[in-house]
């Protein structure tokens, strides 16, 4: 179950990244797709790292306590930590520490000197 969820979070991270690359350049009034991609990338990357942590916890328990049986309580705790705790960051904390996510004219984490759609050399 831990392997599957780790692979799922990796897959969703890659899909959001690839779809984000395909977004056309948008003007200041249509900045929502870029912000959505940046928020989804943040969420899936956080969940991916937390699933890696849960993988390490499982290996630690299997090595140090070899006769421990993994019940549904373990996997429910892993699920809550790895899928729900990134929501706390993305929904509650992220808008306060990343003002570019909630106000125009910049897209995502771009600043006036750091634009990925710049054509100048």
Protein backbone atom coordinates (compact mmCIF):
# COMPACT_ATOMS: atom_id res chain seq x y z
CA UNK A 1 0.00 0.00 0.00
CA UNK A 2 2.85 2.38 0.75
CA UNK A 3 4.56 1.61 -2.57
CA UNK A 4 1.34 2.19 -4.48
CA UNK A 5 0.66 5.55 -2.85
CA UNK A 6 4.24 6.68 -3.39
CA UNK A 7 4.01 5.73 -7.05
CA UNK A 8 0.63 7.46 -7.33
CA UNK A 9 1.96 10.70 -5.87
CA UNK A 10 4.95 10.54 -8.24
CA UNK A 11 2.67 9.95 -11.20
CA UNK A 12 0.39 12.84 -10.28
CA UNK A 13 3.38 15.12 -9.76
CA UNK A 14 4.69 14.31 -13.22
CA UNK A 15 1.25 14.74 -14.80
CA UNK A 16 0.72 18.16 -13.22
CA UNK A 17 4.23 19.19 -14.27
CA UNK A 18 3.68 18.10 -17.87
CA UNK A 19 0.27 19.75 -18.06
CA UNK A 20 1.76 22.90 -16.55
CA UNK A 21 4.36 23.01 -19.32
CA UNK A 22 1.59 22.97 -21.89
CA UNK A 23 -0.18 26.01 -20.47
CA UNK A 24 -0.18 28.89 -22.93
CA UNK A 25 1.13 32.29 -21.90
CA UNK A 26 -1.66 34.11 -20.14
CA UNK A 27 -2.16 37.78 -19.43
CA UNK A 28 -2.55 39.36 -16.01
CA UNK A 29 -6.31 38.81 -15.87
CA UNK A 30 -6.03 35.06 -16.49
CA UNK A 31 -3.43 33.93 -13.96
CA UNK A 32 -5.50 31.20 -12.28
CA UNK A 33 -4.13 28.21 -14.30
CA UNK A 34 -0.53 29.02 -13.37
CA UNK A 35 -1.41 29.37 -9.71
CA UNK A 36 -3.37 26.14 -9.79
CA UNK A 37 -0.39 24.29 -11.26
CA UNK A 38 1.97 25.72 -8.65
CA UNK A 39 -0.37 24.79 -5.78
CA UNK A 40 -0.93 21.27 -7.13
CA UNK A 41 2.81 20.79 -7.63
CA UNK A 42 3.42 21.88 -4.07
CA UNK A 43 0.79 19.49 -2.74
CA UNK A 44 1.93 16.44 -4.71
CA UNK A 45 5.63 17.04 -3.99
CA UNK A 46 4.92 17.34 -0.27
CA UNK A 47 2.85 14.17 -0.33
CA UNK A 48 5.58 12.38 -2.29
CA UNK A 49 8.21 13.25 0.31
CA UNK A 50 5.90 12.21 3.12
CA UNK A 51 5.25 8.86 1.43
CA UNK A 52 9.01 8.40 1.22
CA UNK A 53 9.16 9.09 4.95
CA UNK A 54 6.44 6.50 5.57
CA UNK A 55 8.46 4.03 3.49
CA UNK A 56 11.38 4.64 5.82
CA UNK A 57 9.15 4.18 8.88
CA UNK A 58 7.93 0.84 7.53
CA UNK A 59 11.51 -0.35 6.92
CA UNK A 60 12.53 0.83 10.40
CA UNK A 61 9.66 -1.06 12.03
CA UNK A 62 10.33 -4.19 9.97
CA UNK A 63 14.02 -4.21 10.94
CA UNK A 64 13.73 -3.31 14.62
CA UNK A 65 10.43 -5.03 15.44
CA UNK A 66 10.27 -8.01 13.08
CA UNK A 67 7.14 -9.58 14.57
CA UNK A 68 4.98 -6.46 14.32
CA UNK A 69 1.90 -6.93 12.17
CA UNK A 70 0.83 -3.99 10.05
CA UNK A 71 -2.84 -3.49 10.71
CA UNK A 72 -5.27 -1.08 9.12
CA UNK A 73 -4.45 1.41 11.89
CA UNK A 74 -0.91 1.74 10.55
CA UNK A 75 -2.03 2.37 7.01
CA UNK A 76 -4.77 4.75 8.08
CA UNK A 77 -2.17 6.77 10.01
CA UNK A 78 0.18 6.69 7.01
CA UNK A 79 -2.66 7.80 4.75
CA UNK A 80 -3.62 10.70 7.01
CA UNK A 81 -0.03 11.87 7.42
CA UNK A 82 0.92 11.60 3.77
CA UNK A 83 -2.20 12.76 1.93
CA UNK A 84 -3.98 15.04 4.40
CA UNK A 85 -1.15 16.93 6.11
CA UNK A 86 0.08 18.51 2.84
CA UNK A 87 -3.43 19.92 2.48
CA UNK A 88 -2.89 21.79 5.73
CA UNK A 89 0.16 23.49 4.26
CA UNK A 90 -1.26 24.14 0.81
CA UNK A 91 -4.65 25.43 1.93
CA UNK A 92 -3.85 27.21 5.19
CA UNK A 93 -0.20 28.19 5.32
CA UNK A 94 0.86 28.60 1.70
CA UNK A 95 -1.16 31.75 0.83
CA UNK A 96 0.35 33.63 3.77
CA UNK A 97 3.96 32.82 2.95
CA UNK A 98 3.67 32.97 -0.83
CA UNK A 99 1.79 36.16 -1.69
CA UNK A 100 2.36 35.57 -5.40
CA UNK A 101 -0.12 32.70 -5.17
CA UNK A 102 -2.99 34.98 -4.22
CA UNK A 103 -2.37 38.28 -5.97
CA UNK A 104 -1.53 39.32 -9.55
CA UNK A 105 0.41 40.38 -11.58
CA UNK A 106 2.96 37.58 -11.18
CA UNK A 107 2.34 33.94 -11.95
CA UNK A 108 3.16 31.28 -9.36
CA UNK A 109 6.65 31.94 -8.05
CA UNK A 110 7.72 34.25 -10.84
CA UNK A 111 9.00 37.73 -10.12
CA UNK A 112 9.57 40.56 -12.60
CA UNK A 113 13.19 39.42 -13.12
CA UNK A 114 12.36 35.69 -13.22
CA UNK A 115 9.83 34.98 -15.96
CA UNK A 116 9.89 31.63 -17.70
CA UNK A 117 8.03 32.96 -20.75
CA UNK A 118 10.61 35.62 -21.49
CA UNK A 119 11.85 35.64 -25.08
CA UNK A 120 14.81 37.95 -24.55
CA UNK A 121 18.21 36.31 -24.40
